[in-house]
Amino acid sequence: MKNNLKVARVQVDLTQQQLAEKVGVTRQTISLIEKGKYNPTLRLCLNICYAVNKTLDEIFWLNKEGQDK
């Protein structure tokens, strides 16, 4: 799943490890989400959004053209 997590995380100056600790997952999980290789639950998506001060749309929204993956 494509997303803008890495950009949002860097904007708030968090490492993958720091974000992982804030949302209660492993660093590897954050890495996989950023690479689009793991689809997080809605709860985890929301927790990530709160941690980086972004909306679901800003991080996880896919345009219709981007739904082929």
PDB file of N, CA and C in Angstrom:
ATOM      1  N   MET A   1       0.848  -1.182   0.000  1.00  0.00           N
ATOM      2  CA  MET A   1       0.000   0.000   0.000  1.00  0.00           C
ATOM      3  C   MET A   1       0.888   1.237   0.000  1.00  0.00           C
ATOM      4  N   LYS A   2       0.710   2.071  -1.006  1.00  0.00           N
ATOM      5  CA  LYS A   2       1.474   3.314  -1.063  1.00  0.00           C
ATOM      6  C   LYS A   2       0.994   4.264   0.022  1.00  0.00           C
ATOM      7  N   ASN A   3       1.934   5.049   0.553  1.00  0.00           N
ATOM      8  CA  ASN A   3       1.584   6.015   1.593  1.00  0.00           C
ATOM      9  C   ASN A   3       2.667   7.079   1.689  1.00  0.00           C
ATOM     10  N   ASN A   4       2.416   8.083   2.493  1.00  0.00           N
ATOM     11  CA  ASN A   4       3.356   9.181   2.697  1.00  0.00           C
ATOM     12  C   ASN A   4       3.928   9.174   4.108  1.00  0.00           C
ATOM     13  N   LEU A   5       4.016   8.021   4.706  1.00  0.00           N
ATOM     14  CA  LEU A   5       4.453   7.940   6.098  1.00  0.00           C
ATOM     15  C   LEU A   5       5.880   8.432   6.293  1.00  0.00           C
ATOM     16  N   LYS A   6       6.794   8.020   5.440  1.00  0.00           N
ATOM     17  CA  LYS A   6       8.188   8.413   5.636  1.00  0.00           C
ATOM     18  C   LYS A   6       8.332   9.935   5.610  1.00  0.00           C
ATOM     19  N   VAL A   7       7.689  10.581   4.655  1.00  0.00           N
ATOM     20  CA  VAL A   7       7.756  12.045   4.552  1.00  0.00           C
ATOM     21  C   VAL A   7       7.215  12.688   5.825  1.00  0.00           C
ATOM     22  N   ALA A   8       6.057  12.212   6.288  1.00  0.00           N
ATOM     23  CA  ALA A   8       5.442  12.773   7.494  1.00  0.00           C
ATOM     24  C   ALA A   8       6.318  12.548   8.720  1.00  0.00           C
ATOM     25  N   ARG A   9       6.922  11.373   8.813  1.00  0.00           N
ATOM     26  CA  ARG A   9       7.787  11.051   9.952  1.00  0.00           C
ATOM     27  C   ARG A   9       9.014  11.949   9.978  1.00  0.00           C
ATOM     28  N   VAL A  10       9.640  12.143   8.832  1.00  0.00           N
ATOM     29  CA  VAL A  10      10.829  12.983   8.750  1.00  0.00           C
ATOM     30  C   VAL A  10      10.482  14.437   9.058  1.00  0.00           C
ATOM     31  N   GLN A  11       9.308  14.887   8.628  1.00  0.00           N
ATOM     32  CA  GLN A  11       8.891  16.266   8.889  1.00  0.00           C
ATOM     33  C   GLN A  11       8.805  16.586  10.379  1.00  0.00           C
ATOM     34  N   VAL A  12       8.452  15.589  11.186  1.00  0.00           N
ATOM     35  CA  VAL A  12       8.370  15.812  12.636  1.00  0.00           C
ATOM     36  C   VAL A  12       9.624  15.319  13.361  1.00  0.00           C
ATOM     37  N   ASP A  13      10.664  15.006  12.570  1.00  0.00           N
ATOM     38  CA  ASP A  13      11.972  14.651  13.110  1.00  0.00           C
ATOM     39  C   ASP A  13      11.933  13.437  14.032  1.00  0.00           C
ATOM     40  N   LEU A  14      11.262  12.383  13.567  1.00  0.00           N
ATOM     41  CA  LEU A  14      11.221  11.127  14.308  1.00  0.00           C
ATOM     42  C   LEU A  14      11.948  10.045  13.519  1.00  0.00           C
ATOM     43  N   THR A  15      12.683   9.196  14.234  1.00  0.00           N
ATOM     44  CA  THR A  15      13.252   8.009  13.594  1.00  0.00           C
ATOM     45  C   THR A  15      12.158   6.949  13.527  1.00  0.00           C
ATOM     46  N   GLN A  16      12.412   5.911  12.755  1.00  0.00           N
ATOM     47  CA  GLN A  16      11.462   4.795  12.728  1.00  0.00           C
ATOM     48  C   GLN A  16      11.284   4.221  14.129  1.00  0.00           C
ATOM     49  N   GLN A  17      12.379   4.099  14.864  1.00  0.00           N
ATOM     50  CA  GLN A  17      12.312   3.543  16.215  1.00  0.00           C
ATOM     51  C   GLN A  17      11.466   4.412  17.135  1.00  0.00           C
ATOM     52  N   GLN A  18      11.662   5.723  17.074  1.00  0.00           N
ATOM     53  CA  GLN A  18      10.890   6.632  17.924  1.00  0.00           C
ATOM     54  C   GLN A  18       9.395   6.565  17.599  1.00  0.00           C
ATOM     55  N   LEU A  19       9.061   6.543  16.326  1.00  0.00           N
ATOM     56  CA  LEU A  19       7.656   6.436  15.936  1.00  0.00           C
ATOM     57  C   LEU A  19       7.081   5.099  16.394  1.00  0.00           C
ATOM     58  N   ALA A  20       7.839   4.051  16.208  1.00  0.00           N
ATOM     59  CA  ALA A  20       7.385   2.722  16.627  1.00  0.00           C
ATOM     60  C   ALA A  20       7.062   2.699  18.122  1.00  0.00           C
ATOM     61  N   GLU A  21       7.923   3.291  18.922  1.00  0.00           N
ATOM     62  CA  GLU A  21       7.698   3.321  20.372  1.00  0.00           C
ATOM     63  C   GLU A  21       6.444   4.135  20.708  1.00  0.00           C
ATOM     64  N   LYS A  22       6.230   5.233  19.993  1.00  0.00           N
ATOM     65  CA  LYS A  22       5.042   6.059  20.254  1.00  0.00           C
ATOM     66  C   LYS A  22       3.742   5.317  19.960  1.00  0.00           C
ATOM     67  N   VAL A  23       3.753   4.463  18.933  1.00  0.00           N
ATOM     68  CA  VAL A  23       2.505   3.803  18.522  1.00  0.00           C
ATOM     69  C   VAL A  23       2.425   2.343  18.958  1.00  0.00           C
ATOM     70  N   GLY A  24       3.465   1.845  19.628  1.00  0.00           N
ATOM     71  CA  GLY A  24       3.410   0.505  20.203  1.00  0.00           C
ATOM     72  C   GLY A  24       3.634  -0.640  19.237  1.00  0.00           C
ATOM     73  N   VAL A  25       4.509  -0.426  18.243  1.00  0.00           N
ATOM     74  CA  VAL A  25       4.873  -1.503  17.323  1.00  0.00           C
ATOM     75  C   VAL A  25       6.390  -1.560  17.231  1.00  0.00           C
ATOM     76  N   THR A  26       6.907  -2.473  16.419  1.00  0.00           N
ATOM     77  CA  THR A  26       8.350  -2.568  16.240  1.00  0.00           C
ATOM     78  C   THR A  26       8.814  -1.621  15.140  1.00  0.00           C
ATOM     79  N   ARG A  27      10.101  -1.331  15.144  1.00  0.00           N
ATOM     80  CA  ARG A  27      10.687  -0.519  14.083  1.00  0.00           C
ATOM     81  C   ARG A  27      10.503  -1.185  12.728  1.00  0.00           C
ATOM     82  N   GLN A  28      10.586  -2.513  12.722  1.00  0.00           N
ATOM     83  CA  GLN A  28      10.425  -3.260  11.481  1.00  0.00           C
ATOM     84  C   GLN A  28       9.029  -3.053  10.892  1.00  0.00           C
ATOM     85  N   THR A  29       8.022  -2.965  11.749  1.00  0.00           N
ATOM     86  CA  THR A  29       6.659  -2.729  11.277  1.00  0.00           C
ATOM     87  C   THR A  29       6.565  -1.368  10.596  1.00  0.00           C
ATOM     88  N   ILE A  30       7.155  -0.352  11.201  1.00  0.00           N
ATOM     89  CA  ILE A  30       7.148   0.981  10.595  1.00  0.00           C
ATOM     90  C   ILE A  30       7.857   0.939   9.246  1.00  0.00           C
ATOM     91  N   SER A  31       8.981   0.258   9.178  1.00  0.00           N
ATOM     92  CA  SER A  31       9.724   0.132   7.931  1.00  0.00           C
ATOM     93  C   SER A  31       8.878  -0.521   6.845  1.00  0.00           C
ATOM     94  N   LEU A  32       8.202  -1.596   7.197  1.00  0.00           N
ATOM     95  CA  LEU A  32       7.364  -2.299   6.223  1.00  0.00           C
ATOM     96  C   LEU A  32       6.194  -1.438   5.755  1.00  0.00           C
ATOM     97  N   ILE A  33       5.607  -0.672   6.665  1.00  0.00           N
ATOM     98  CA  ILE A  33       4.514   0.227   6.286  1.00  0.00           C
ATOM     99  C   ILE A  33       5.039   1.274   5.308  1.00  0.00           C
ATOM    100  N   GLU A  34       6.193   1.856   5.612  1.00  0.00           N
ATOM    101  CA  GLU A  34       6.770   2.877   4.738  1.00  0.00           C
ATOM    102  C   GLU A  34       7.070   2.328   3.347  1.00  0.00           C
ATOM    103  N   LYS A  35       7.476   1.071   3.278  1.00  0.00           N
ATOM    104  CA  LYS A  35       7.791   0.448   1.991  1.00  0.00           C
ATOM    105  C   LYS A  35       6.538  -0.039   1.254  1.00  0.00           C
ATOM    106  N   GLY A  36       5.386   0.031   1.925  1.00  0.00           N
ATOM    107  CA  GLY A  36       4.150  -0.435   1.301  1.00  0.00           C
ATOM    108  C   GLY A  36       3.998  -1.938   1.310  1.00  0.00           C
ATOM    109  N   LYS A  37       4.727  -2.612   2.196  1.00  0.00           N
ATOM    110  CA  LYS A  37       4.686  -4.074   2.247  1.00  0.00           C
ATOM    111  C   LYS A  37       3.848  -4.604   3.399  1.00  0.00           C
ATOM    112  N   TYR A  38       3.234  -3.704   4.147  1.00  0.00           N
ATOM    113  CA  TYR A  38       2.399  -4.107   5.282  1.00  0.00           C
ATOM    114  C   TYR A  38       1.222  -3.156   5.359  1.00  0.00           C
ATOM    115  N   ASN A  39       0.022  -3.703   5.415  1.00  0.00           N
ATOM    116  CA  ASN A  39      -1.181  -2.887   5.551  1.00  0.00           C
ATOM    117  C   ASN A  39      -1.580  -2.824   7.022  1.00  0.00           C
ATOM    118  N   PRO A  40      -1.395  -1.667   7.644  1.00  0.00           N
ATOM    119  CA  PRO A  40      -1.718  -1.541   9.069  1.00  0.00           C
ATOM    120  C   PRO A  40      -3.222  -1.528   9.309  1.00  0.00           C
ATOM    121  N   THR A  41      -3.602  -1.866  10.522  1.00  0.00           N
ATOM    122  CA  THR A  41      -5.004  -1.775  10.907  1.00  0.00           C
ATOM    123  C   THR A  41      -5.415  -0.308  10.952  1.00  0.00           C
ATOM    124  N   LEU A  42      -6.709  -0.073  10.949  1.00  0.00           N
ATOM    125  CA  LEU A  42      -7.202   1.300  11.043  1.00  0.00           C
ATOM    126  C   LEU A  42      -6.736   1.940  12.348  1.00  0.00           C
ATOM    127  N   ARG A  43      -6.760   1.194  13.420  1.00  0.00           N
ATOM    128  CA  ARG A  43      -6.310   1.718  14.713  1.00  0.00           C
ATOM    129  C   ARG A  43      -4.851   2.161  14.649  1.00  0.00           C
ATOM    130  N   LEU A  44      -4.004   1.325  14.048  1.00  0.00           N
ATOM    131  CA  LEU A  44      -2.593   1.683  13.922  1.00  0.00           C
ATOM    132  C   LEU A  44      -2.432   2.899  13.008  1.00  0.00           C
ATOM    133  N   CYS A  45      -3.183   2.952  11.926  1.00  0.00           N
ATOM    134  CA  CYS A  45      -3.142   4.126  11.044  1.00  0.00           C
ATOM    135  C   CYS A  45      -3.471   5.395  11.821  1.00  0.00           C
ATOM    136  N   LEU A  46      -4.510   5.338  12.625  1.00  0.00           N
ATOM    137  CA  LEU A  46      -4.905   6.507  13.412  1.00  0.00           C
ATOM    138  C   LEU A  46      -3.833   6.883  14.421  1.00  0.00           C
ATOM    139  N   ASN A  47      -3.261   5.896  15.100  1.00  0.00           N
ATOM    140  CA  ASN A  47      -2.202   6.180  16.072  1.00  0.00           C
ATOM    141  C   ASN A  47      -0.992   6.821  15.396  1.00  0.00           C
ATOM    142  N   ILE A  48      -0.658   6.348  14.216  1.00  0.00           N
ATOM    143  CA  ILE A  48       0.449   6.940  13.459  1.00  0.00           C
ATOM    144  C   ILE A  48       0.114   8.383  13.105  1.00  0.00           C
ATOM    145  N   CYS A  49      -1.105   8.615  12.637  1.00  0.00           N
ATOM    146  CA  CYS A  49      -1.518   9.974  12.277  1.00  0.00           C
ATOM    147  C   CYS A  49      -1.422  10.921  13.466  1.00  0.00           C
ATOM    148  N   TYR A  50      -1.879  10.479  14.623  1.00  0.00           N
ATOM    149  CA  TYR A  50      -1.792  11.312  15.820  1.00  0.00           C
ATOM    150  C   TYR A  50      -0.328  11.602  16.155  1.00  0.00           C
ATOM    151  N   ALA A  51       0.539  10.614  16.014  1.00  0.00           N
ATOM    152  CA  ALA A  51       1.948  10.770  16.377  1.00  0.00           C
ATOM    153  C   ALA A  51       2.684  11.752  15.475  1.00  0.00           C
ATOM    154  N   VAL A  52       2.273  11.829  14.204  1.00  0.00           N
ATOM    155  CA  VAL A  52       2.965  12.734  13.269  1.00  0.00           C
ATOM    156  C   VAL A  52       2.126  13.969  12.932  1.00  0.00           C
ATOM    157  N   ASN A  53       1.005  14.117  13.632  1.00  0.00           N
ATOM    158  CA  ASN A  53       0.140  15.290  13.482  1.00  0.00           C
ATOM    159  C   ASN A  53      -0.350  15.488  12.048  1.00  0.00           C
ATOM    160  N   LYS A  54      -0.817  14.394  11.446  1.00  0.00           N
ATOM    161  CA  LYS A  54      -1.368  14.420  10.086  1.00  0.00           C
ATOM    162  C   LYS A  54      -2.710  13.705  10.085  1.00  0.00           C
ATOM    163  N   THR A  55      -3.473  13.911   9.014  1.00  0.00           N
ATOM    164  CA  THR A  55      -4.757  13.214   8.881  1.00  0.00           C
ATOM    165  C   THR A  55      -4.554  11.897   8.130  1.00  0.00           C
ATOM    166  N   LEU A  56      -5.551  11.041   8.207  1.00  0.00           N
ATOM    167  CA  LEU A  56      -5.509   9.794   7.437  1.00  0.00           C
ATOM    168  C   LEU A  56      -5.337  10.085   5.956  1.00  0.00           C
ATOM    169  N   ASP A  57      -6.066  11.067   5.462  1.00  0.00           N
ATOM    170  CA  ASP A  57      -5.972  11.429   4.051  1.00  0.00           C
ATOM    171  C   ASP A  57      -4.555  11.824   3.658  1.00  0.00           C
ATOM    172  N   GLU A  58      -3.899  12.580   4.502  1.00  0.00           N
ATOM    173  CA  GLU A  58      -2.563  13.065   4.172  1.00  0.00           C
ATOM    174  C   GLU A  58      -1.531  11.943   4.090  1.00  0.00           C
ATOM    175  N   ILE A  59      -1.709  10.901   4.872  1.00  0.00           N
ATOM    176  CA  ILE A  59      -0.716   9.826   4.902  1.00  0.00           C
ATOM    177  C   ILE A  59      -1.126   8.608   4.080  1.00  0.00           C
ATOM    178  N   PHE A  60      -2.382   8.195   4.202  1.00  0.00           N
ATOM    179  CA  PHE A  60      -2.771   6.907   3.636  1.00  0.00           C
ATOM    180  C   PHE A  60      -3.733   6.970   2.455  1.00  0.00           C
ATOM    181  N   TRP A  61      -4.201   8.146   2.061  1.00  0.00           N
ATOM    182  CA  TRP A  61      -5.185   8.223   0.983  1.00  0.00           C
ATOM    183  C   TRP A  61      -4.568   7.842  -0.341  1.00  0.00           C
ATOM    184  N   LEU A  62      -5.274   7.007  -1.117  1.00  0.00           N
ATOM    185  CA  LEU A  62      -4.850   6.641  -2.457  1.00  0.00           C
ATOM    186  C   LEU A  62      -5.797   7.249  -3.472  1.00  0.00           C
ATOM    187  N   ASN A  63      -5.255   7.868  -4.495  1.00  0.00           N
ATOM    188  CA  ASN A  63      -6.099   8.312  -5.590  1.00  0.00           C
ATOM    189  C   ASN A  63      -6.570   7.096  -6.366  1.00  0.00           C
ATOM    190  N   LYS A  64      -7.646   7.241  -7.066  1.00  0.00           N
ATOM    191  CA  LYS A  64      -8.205   6.111  -7.808  1.00  0.00           C
ATOM    192  C   LYS A  64      -7.171   5.473  -8.716  1.00  0.00           C
ATOM    193  N   GLU A  65      -6.303   6.280  -9.366  1.00  0.00           N
ATOM    194  CA  GLU A  65      -5.288   5.747 -10.252  1.00  0.00           C
ATOM    195  C   GLU A  65      -4.249   4.916  -9.501  1.00  0.00           C
ATOM    196  N   GLY A  66      -4.046   5.214  -8.206  1.00  0.00           N
ATOM    197  CA  GLY A  66      -3.018   4.531  -7.434  1.00  0.00           C
ATOM    198  C   GLY A  66      -3.472   3.245  -6.779  1.00  0.00           C
ATOM    199  N   GLN A  67      -4.674   2.795  -7.079  1.00  0.00           N
ATOM    200  CA  GLN A  67      -5.206   1.611  -6.400  1.00  0.00           C
ATOM    201  C   GLN A  67      -4.846   0.297  -7.081  1.00  0.00           C
ATOM    202  N   ASP A  68      -4.036   0.337  -8.127  1.00  0.00           N
ATOM    203  CA  ASP A  68      -3.716  -0.881  -8.849  1.00  0.00           C
ATOM    204  C   ASP A  68      -2.693  -1.747  -8.118  1.00  0.00           C
ATOM    205  N   LYS A  69      -2.093  -1.249  -7.058  1.00  0.00           N
ATOM    206  CA  LYS A  69      -1.090  -2.051  -6.329  1.00  0.00           C
ATOM    207  C   LYS A  69      -1.606  -2.500  -4.999  1.00  0.00           C
TER     208      LYS A  69
END
